[in-house]
Amino acid sequence: MTAQTKPSNKIPLPKTPTFISGLDDILEGGLPTNRTSLLMGSPGSGKTVMGLEFLYRGALNGEPGIFFGFEESAAALRQNALTLGWDLAALEAENRLFLLDTHIDPETIISGDFGLKPLLAIIAGKAKELGARRIVLDALDVLLRMFENRLRIRAELNLLNAWLKKCGMTAVMTLKPHEGGYVRTFLDFFYSMSDCALTLDARAQNQISIRRLRVIKYRGSGFGRNEYPYVVTSSGVQTLPISSVGLEHKPFGRRMSSGVPRLDAMLGGGYYQASCILAAGAPGTGKTLLASSFVRQACGQGEKVLYLSLEEADHALLKNVTSAGINLAPFVENG
């Protein structure tokens, strides 16, 4: 008699895709829908870019969004986004994006009854008008530093937390974890109010700048638990979910001539198409000539080749291989 397995009653957590290259693989689908996520990192780690890309990609995919920031003006955001090829003004004109200009001068002193409540009321009205599904609250630490009373900060954070829970939008908050000060004091509060928390780490090792992303927590969902490399490119953020990379290469194709007839005979007809060939040897053993022979053979058959030379400049390489009777100059494309 075998035990019967009960049907699973699991209901997956609704998720909102970020549409950021590689990030949704790490998050196993995206950020929690209609919940709050925290994006934390040092200055220059790419928090604002990632938050803005979350809105931009969402707007392009039918989910209007609102950007609510305290560090950069709306005009500066539009100009910076254009360097990435993102036309925010066009999306604003189509009511798919709204940038709330709340840039605060660092010298400003907040006093009296100023608080988040009026700003949240403005956002709520605009969200209803746009049918907004996403919101980014950028550089909240800038606002918190304006308040001098810790009880007031806690009250404002409680207000924000309650508002985010009922706003009906998928929210992303960005924060710089300053050492000491009010932000460090209330860091646990930010962790508790967020359902998903990510850290962005920009560091330098051996004089080389590297960036790493890590998911600290994700309530109700699995996620990639390693540190993952990411870069800010000319078109946005790209992450590499290393632990989820699978072996999906296709079988090798036809034989391709190496450009050296006797080597082809030794290999049974040449290299396999779609294979990776390693030619290792001491300096002067002919590695470059072997690679150049392959390039000449392929180009001579009308195929295009990308030749990356990390040791010699292109003009020096072209001249040096002619000593072995290999002329690659006719195959070089200008530009």
Protein backbone atom coordinates (compact mmCIF):
# COMPACT_ATOMS: atom_id res chain seq x y z
CA MET A 1 0.00 0.00 0.00
CA THR A 2 1.49 3.28 -1.06
CA ALA A 3 0.86 6.63 0.58
CA GLN A 4 -1.05 9.07 -1.58
CA THR A 5 0.41 12.51 -2.05
CA LYS A 6 -1.96 15.32 -1.22
CA PRO A 7 -2.39 17.95 -3.91
CA SER A 8 -0.34 21.08 -3.29
CA ASN A 9 -2.24 24.16 -2.11
CA LYS A 10 0.68 26.50 -2.71
CA ILE A 11 -0.21 29.83 -4.30
CA PRO A 12 2.81 31.63 -5.77
CA LEU A 13 3.47 35.20 -4.71
CA PRO A 14 2.38 37.71 -7.38
CA LYS A 15 5.44 39.38 -8.86
CA THR A 16 6.14 42.42 -10.99
CA PRO A 17 8.98 41.99 -13.51
CA THR A 18 11.67 44.66 -13.41
CA PHE A 19 12.59 44.05 -17.07
CA ILE A 20 16.19 44.70 -16.01
CA SER A 21 18.58 42.30 -17.72
CA GLY A 22 19.26 39.30 -15.48
CA LEU A 23 17.65 40.73 -12.34
CA ASP A 24 14.32 38.94 -12.72
CA ASP A 25 16.20 35.62 -12.89
CA ILE A 26 17.84 36.40 -9.54
CA LEU A 27 14.48 37.45 -8.06
CA GLU A 28 12.75 34.42 -9.58
CA GLY A 29 10.27 36.52 -11.48
CA GLY A 30 10.57 40.07 -10.23
CA LEU A 31 9.69 42.24 -7.21
CA PRO A 32 6.65 41.54 -4.99
CA THR A 33 3.56 43.09 -6.58
CA ASN A 34 1.89 45.91 -4.63
CA ARG A 35 4.53 45.62 -1.92
CA THR A 36 7.63 47.59 -0.97
CA SER A 37 11.21 46.70 -1.89
CA LEU A 38 14.37 48.33 -0.53
CA LEU A 39 17.38 49.09 -2.71
CA MET A 40 20.38 50.05 -0.61
CA GLY A 41 23.89 51.01 -1.63
CA SER A 42 26.70 53.52 -1.37
CA PRO A 43 26.91 56.63 -3.57
CA GLY A 44 27.65 55.70 -7.18
CA SER A 45 26.43 52.12 -6.86
CA GLY A 46 23.59 52.71 -9.35
CA LYS A 47 20.52 52.84 -7.09
CA THR A 48 18.84 55.74 -8.87
CA VAL A 49 19.61 54.27 -12.30
CA MET A 50 18.14 50.91 -11.31
CA GLY A 51 15.05 52.52 -9.79
CA LEU A 52 14.54 54.72 -12.82
CA GLU A 53 15.00 51.77 -15.18
CA PHE A 54 12.37 49.84 -13.19
CA LEU A 55 9.94 52.68 -14.00
CA TYR A 56 11.09 53.22 -17.57
CA ARG A 57 10.89 49.55 -18.59
CA GLY A 58 7.57 49.22 -16.80
CA ALA A 59 6.10 52.22 -18.64
CA LEU A 60 7.19 50.74 -21.96
CA ASN A 61 5.40 47.52 -21.00
CA GLY A 62 2.09 49.11 -20.08
CA GLU A 63 2.62 49.90 -16.39
CA PRO A 64 2.72 53.68 -15.70
CA GLY A 65 4.95 54.80 -12.85
CA ILE A 66 5.86 57.69 -10.55
CA PHE A 67 9.33 58.85 -9.50
CA PHE A 68 9.44 60.57 -6.12
CA GLY A 69 13.00 61.67 -5.27
CA PHE A 70 14.80 64.10 -2.99
CA GLU A 71 18.31 64.23 -4.44
CA GLU A 72 18.12 65.10 -8.15
CA SER A 73 15.82 67.54 -9.88
CA ALA A 74 13.39 66.28 -12.52
CA ALA A 75 15.31 68.23 -15.19
CA ALA A 76 18.58 66.53 -14.21
CA LEU A 77 16.92 63.10 -14.26
CA ARG A 78 15.58 63.68 -17.78
CA GLN A 79 18.99 64.81 -19.01
CA ASN A 80 20.85 61.93 -17.36
CA ALA A 81 18.34 59.41 -18.71
CA LEU A 82 18.94 60.62 -22.26
CA THR A 83 22.55 59.45 -21.99
CA LEU A 84 21.11 55.95 -21.60
CA GLY A 85 18.74 56.38 -24.53
CA TRP A 86 15.67 56.82 -22.28
CA ASP A 87 13.31 59.60 -23.35
CA LEU A 88 11.46 60.26 -20.10
CA ALA A 89 9.85 63.43 -21.38
CA ALA A 90 8.08 61.47 -24.12
CA LEU A 91 6.66 59.05 -21.56
CA GLU A 92 5.56 61.97 -19.39
CA ALA A 93 3.78 63.54 -22.35
CA GLU A 94 1.90 60.26 -22.88
CA ASN A 95 0.92 60.08 -19.18
CA ARG A 96 2.93 56.91 -18.69
CA LEU A 97 5.44 58.45 -16.27
CA PHE A 98 5.43 61.25 -13.71
CA LEU A 99 8.52 62.81 -12.11
CA LEU A 100 7.63 64.63 -8.89
CA ASP A 101 10.23 67.38 -8.52
CA THR A 102 10.97 67.41 -4.78
CA HIS A 103 14.68 68.26 -4.95
CA ILE A 104 15.68 69.80 -1.61
CA ASP A 105 18.62 72.16 -1.24
CA PRO A 106 21.10 70.71 1.30
CA GLU A 107 21.08 74.02 3.16
CA THR A 108 17.32 73.87 3.67
CA ILE A 109 16.16 73.66 7.29
CA ILE A 110 12.80 71.99 7.80
CA SER A 111 10.67 73.30 10.62
CA GLY A 112 7.06 73.63 11.59
CA ASP A 113 4.47 71.18 10.31
CA PHE A 114 6.26 70.17 7.13
CA GLY A 115 5.98 66.44 6.46
CA LEU A 116 5.30 63.76 3.91
CA LYS A 117 1.51 63.87 4.13
CA PRO A 118 0.94 66.70 1.58
CA LEU A 119 3.43 65.11 -0.86
CA LEU A 120 1.77 61.71 -0.54
CA ALA A 121 -1.60 63.32 -1.23
CA ILE A 122 -0.20 64.80 -4.46
CA ILE A 123 1.20 61.41 -5.45
CA ALA A 124 -2.07 59.65 -4.73
CA GLY A 125 -3.93 62.05 -7.02
CA LYS A 126 -1.39 61.68 -9.80
CA ALA A 127 -1.37 57.89 -9.42
CA LYS A 128 -5.13 57.81 -9.90
CA GLU A 129 -4.85 60.03 -12.97
CA LEU A 130 -2.15 57.87 -14.58
CA GLY A 131 -3.40 54.52 -13.36
CA ALA A 132 0.11 54.11 -11.94
CA ARG A 133 1.29 50.61 -11.06
CA ARG A 134 4.84 51.42 -9.97
CA ILE A 135 6.51 54.00 -7.75
CA VAL A 136 10.11 54.75 -6.81
CA LEU A 137 11.00 56.76 -3.70
CA ASP A 138 14.59 57.81 -4.25
CA ALA A 139 17.11 59.02 -1.64
CA LEU A 140 14.83 59.01 1.40
CA ASP A 141 17.95 59.48 3.53
CA VAL A 142 18.24 63.04 2.16
CA LEU A 143 14.80 63.87 3.52
CA LEU A 144 15.38 62.18 6.88
CA ARG A 145 18.53 64.22 7.49
CA MET A 146 16.38 67.36 7.35
CA PHE A 147 14.47 66.39 10.48
CA GLU A 148 16.14 66.93 13.84
CA ASN A 149 13.71 64.97 16.01
CA ARG A 150 13.87 61.18 16.06
CA LEU A 151 10.26 60.87 17.17
CA ARG A 152 9.26 62.98 14.16
CA ILE A 153 11.25 60.72 11.84
CA ARG A 154 9.57 57.64 13.25
CA ALA A 155 6.15 59.23 12.82
CA GLU A 156 6.91 60.11 9.18
CA LEU A 157 8.18 56.59 8.48
CA ASN A 158 5.06 55.05 10.03
CA LEU A 159 2.95 57.34 7.85
CA LEU A 160 4.91 56.34 4.75
CA ASN A 161 4.69 52.64 5.61
CA ALA A 162 0.90 52.79 6.04
CA TRP A 163 0.52 54.75 2.79
CA LEU A 164 2.63 52.30 0.78
CA LYS A 165 0.59 49.34 2.04
CA LYS A 166 -2.66 50.78 0.71
CA CYS A 167 -1.45 52.70 -2.37
CA GLY A 168 -1.88 49.69 -4.70
CA MET A 169 1.51 50.18 -6.38
CA THR A 170 4.71 48.15 -6.48
CA ALA A 171 7.17 50.37 -4.64
CA VAL A 172 10.95 50.64 -4.62
CA MET A 173 12.77 52.73 -1.99
CA THR A 174 16.46 53.64 -2.38
CA LEU A 175 18.68 54.43 0.57
CA LYS A 176 22.32 55.15 1.38
CA PRO A 177 23.38 53.34 4.58
CA HIS A 178 25.37 56.14 6.21
CA GLU A 179 27.55 55.20 9.14
CA GLY A 180 25.95 56.65 12.25
CA GLY A 181 23.22 59.27 12.17
CA TYR A 182 19.47 58.85 11.92
CA VAL A 183 19.53 56.73 8.79
CA ARG A 184 21.67 54.08 10.47
CA THR A 185 19.43 54.28 13.55
CA PHE A 186 16.29 53.58 11.53
CA LEU A 187 17.82 51.04 9.17
CA ASP A 188 16.06 48.16 10.91
CA PHE A 189 12.76 49.96 10.36
CA PHE A 190 13.40 50.11 6.62
CA TYR A 191 14.27 46.42 6.58
CA SER A 192 11.08 45.50 8.42
CA MET A 193 8.78 47.64 6.26
CA SER A 194 10.17 46.17 3.03
CA ASP A 195 9.20 42.73 1.71
CA CYS A 196 12.30 42.50 -0.47
CA ALA A 197 15.69 44.05 0.26
CA LEU A 198 18.69 44.27 -2.08
CA THR A 199 22.15 45.75 -1.57
CA LEU A 200 24.31 47.21 -4.31
CA ASP A 201 28.02 47.22 -3.57
CA ALA A 202 30.52 49.18 -5.65
CA ARG A 203 34.06 48.35 -4.57
CA ALA A 204 37.63 48.48 -5.87
CA GLN A 205 39.97 45.49 -5.74
CA ASN A 206 43.52 45.63 -7.09
CA GLN A 207 42.69 49.03 -8.60
CA ILE A 208 39.78 47.51 -10.55
CA SER A 209 36.24 48.70 -9.93
CA ILE A 210 33.70 45.91 -9.51
CA ARG A 211 30.02 45.87 -8.58
CA ARG A 212 28.07 43.17 -6.76
CA LEU A 213 24.34 42.78 -6.05
CA ARG A 214 22.88 40.66 -3.27
CA VAL A 215 19.30 39.93 -2.18
CA ILE A 216 19.15 40.19 1.61
CA LYS A 217 15.59 38.95 2.04
CA TYR A 218 12.43 38.22 0.07
CA ARG A 219 9.28 37.43 2.04
CA GLY A 220 7.19 34.64 0.56
CA SER A 221 9.59 33.83 -2.26
CA GLY A 222 12.79 32.05 -3.11
CA PHE A 223 15.66 34.01 -4.64
CA GLY A 224 19.26 33.73 -5.74
CA ARG A 225 21.33 33.86 -2.57
CA ASN A 226 24.78 34.62 -3.95
CA GLU A 227 26.52 37.86 -4.81
CA TYR A 228 25.98 38.65 -8.47
CA PRO A 229 28.06 40.95 -10.68
CA TYR A 230 26.32 43.83 -12.39
CA VAL A 231 27.33 46.76 -14.57
CA VAL A 232 25.77 50.07 -15.53
CA THR A 233 26.07 50.17 -19.32
CA SER A 234 25.22 52.81 -21.90
CA SER A 235 21.69 51.37 -22.09
CA GLY A 236 20.99 50.54 -18.43
CA VAL A 237 21.78 48.00 -15.72
CA GLN A 238 22.83 44.46 -16.59
CA THR A 239 23.19 41.71 -14.00
CA LEU A 240 24.61 38.23 -14.44
CA PRO A 241 22.73 35.48 -12.54
CA ILE A 242 25.74 33.18 -12.48
CA SER A 243 24.20 30.41 -10.39
CA SER A 244 21.25 30.04 -12.78
CA VAL A 245 23.34 29.71 -15.93
CA GLY A 246 22.71 26.34 -17.59
CA LEU A 247 24.48 24.33 -20.26
CA GLU A 248 22.34 25.00 -23.31
CA HIS A 249 24.84 24.96 -26.16
CA LYS A 250 23.87 23.15 -29.34
CA PRO A 251 25.72 20.12 -30.76
CA PHE A 252 28.80 20.89 -32.79
CA GLY A 253 28.22 21.58 -36.46
CA ARG A 254 30.20 20.88 -39.59
CA ARG A 255 33.97 20.78 -39.86
CA MET A 256 35.75 24.07 -40.63
CA SER A 257 39.24 24.31 -42.03
CA SER A 258 41.89 25.66 -39.69
CA GLY A 259 43.66 27.24 -42.64
CA VAL A 260 46.55 24.79 -42.23
CA PRO A 261 46.02 21.68 -44.46
CA ARG A 262 48.27 19.34 -42.45
CA LEU A 263 46.54 20.38 -39.20
CA ASP A 264 43.17 19.70 -40.83
CA ALA A 265 44.37 16.21 -41.67
CA MET A 266 45.43 15.62 -38.07
CA LEU A 267 42.02 16.81 -36.81
CA GLY A 268 40.02 14.76 -39.27
CA GLY A 269 38.93 17.70 -41.37
CA GLY A 270 39.46 20.78 -39.22
CA TYR A 271 37.72 22.44 -36.28
CA TYR A 272 34.11 21.73 -35.40
CA GLN A 273 31.77 24.65 -35.97
CA ALA A 274 30.48 26.18 -32.67
CA SER A 275 33.38 24.65 -30.72
CA CYS A 276 35.94 26.52 -28.61
CA ILE A 277 39.57 25.94 -29.57
CA LEU A 278 42.45 26.70 -27.21
CA ALA A 279 45.93 27.12 -28.68
CA ALA A 280 48.44 27.27 -25.81
CA GLY A 281 52.16 27.69 -26.07
CA ALA A 282 55.20 29.71 -25.10
CA PRO A 283 55.98 33.04 -26.83
CA GLY A 284 57.17 32.48 -30.39
CA THR A 285 55.48 29.11 -30.93
CA GLY A 286 53.10 30.49 -33.56
CA LYS A 287 49.79 30.96 -31.74
CA THR A 288 49.02 34.23 -33.51
CA LEU A 289 49.97 32.75 -36.90
CA LEU A 290 47.67 29.80 -36.25
CA ALA A 291 44.78 32.12 -35.41
CA SER A 292 45.54 34.32 -38.42
CA SER A 293 45.56 31.29 -40.72
CA PHE A 294 42.07 30.40 -39.54
CA VAL A 295 40.90 33.99 -40.10
CA ARG A 296 42.33 34.06 -43.63
CA GLN A 297 40.66 30.75 -44.50
CA ALA A 298 37.26 31.80 -43.16
CA CYS A 299 37.32 35.23 -44.77
CA GLY A 300 38.47 33.73 -48.03
CA GLN A 301 35.27 31.65 -48.02
CA GLY A 302 33.13 34.77 -47.58
CA GLU A 303 32.56 34.39 -43.81
CA LYS A 304 32.86 37.30 -41.40
CA VAL A 305 35.28 37.04 -38.46
CA LEU A 306 35.64 39.09 -35.28
CA TYR A 307 39.35 39.14 -34.44
CA LEU A 308 40.19 40.41 -30.92
CA SER A 309 43.90 41.00 -30.41
CA LEU A 310 44.86 41.90 -26.86
CA GLU A 311 48.60 42.00 -27.39
CA GLU A 312 49.25 43.76 -30.70
CA ALA A 313 47.65 46.79 -32.33
CA ASP A 314 45.71 46.02 -35.50
CA HIS A 315 48.19 47.61 -37.91
CA ALA A 316 51.14 45.86 -36.22
CA LEU A 317 49.36 42.50 -36.34
CA LEU A 318 48.53 42.85 -40.03
CA LYS A 319 52.17 43.64 -40.86
CA ASN A 320 53.73 40.97 -38.65
CA VAL A 321 51.73 38.03 -40.04
CA THR A 322 52.75 38.91 -43.59
CA SER A 323 56.18 37.50 -42.69
CA ALA A 324 54.53 34.07 -42.84
CA GLY A 325 52.74 34.85 -46.10
CA ILE A 326 49.40 35.64 -44.44
CA ASN A 327 47.76 38.73 -45.88
CA LEU A 328 44.69 39.80 -43.89
CA ALA A 329 44.54 43.38 -45.12
CA PRO A 330 42.02 42.74 -47.95
CA PHE A 331 39.55 41.36 -45.41
CA VAL A 332 39.67 44.23 -42.91
CA GLU A 333 36.51 46.33 -42.71
CA ASN A 334 37.05 50.03 -42.01
CA GLY A 335 35.12 51.71 -39.19
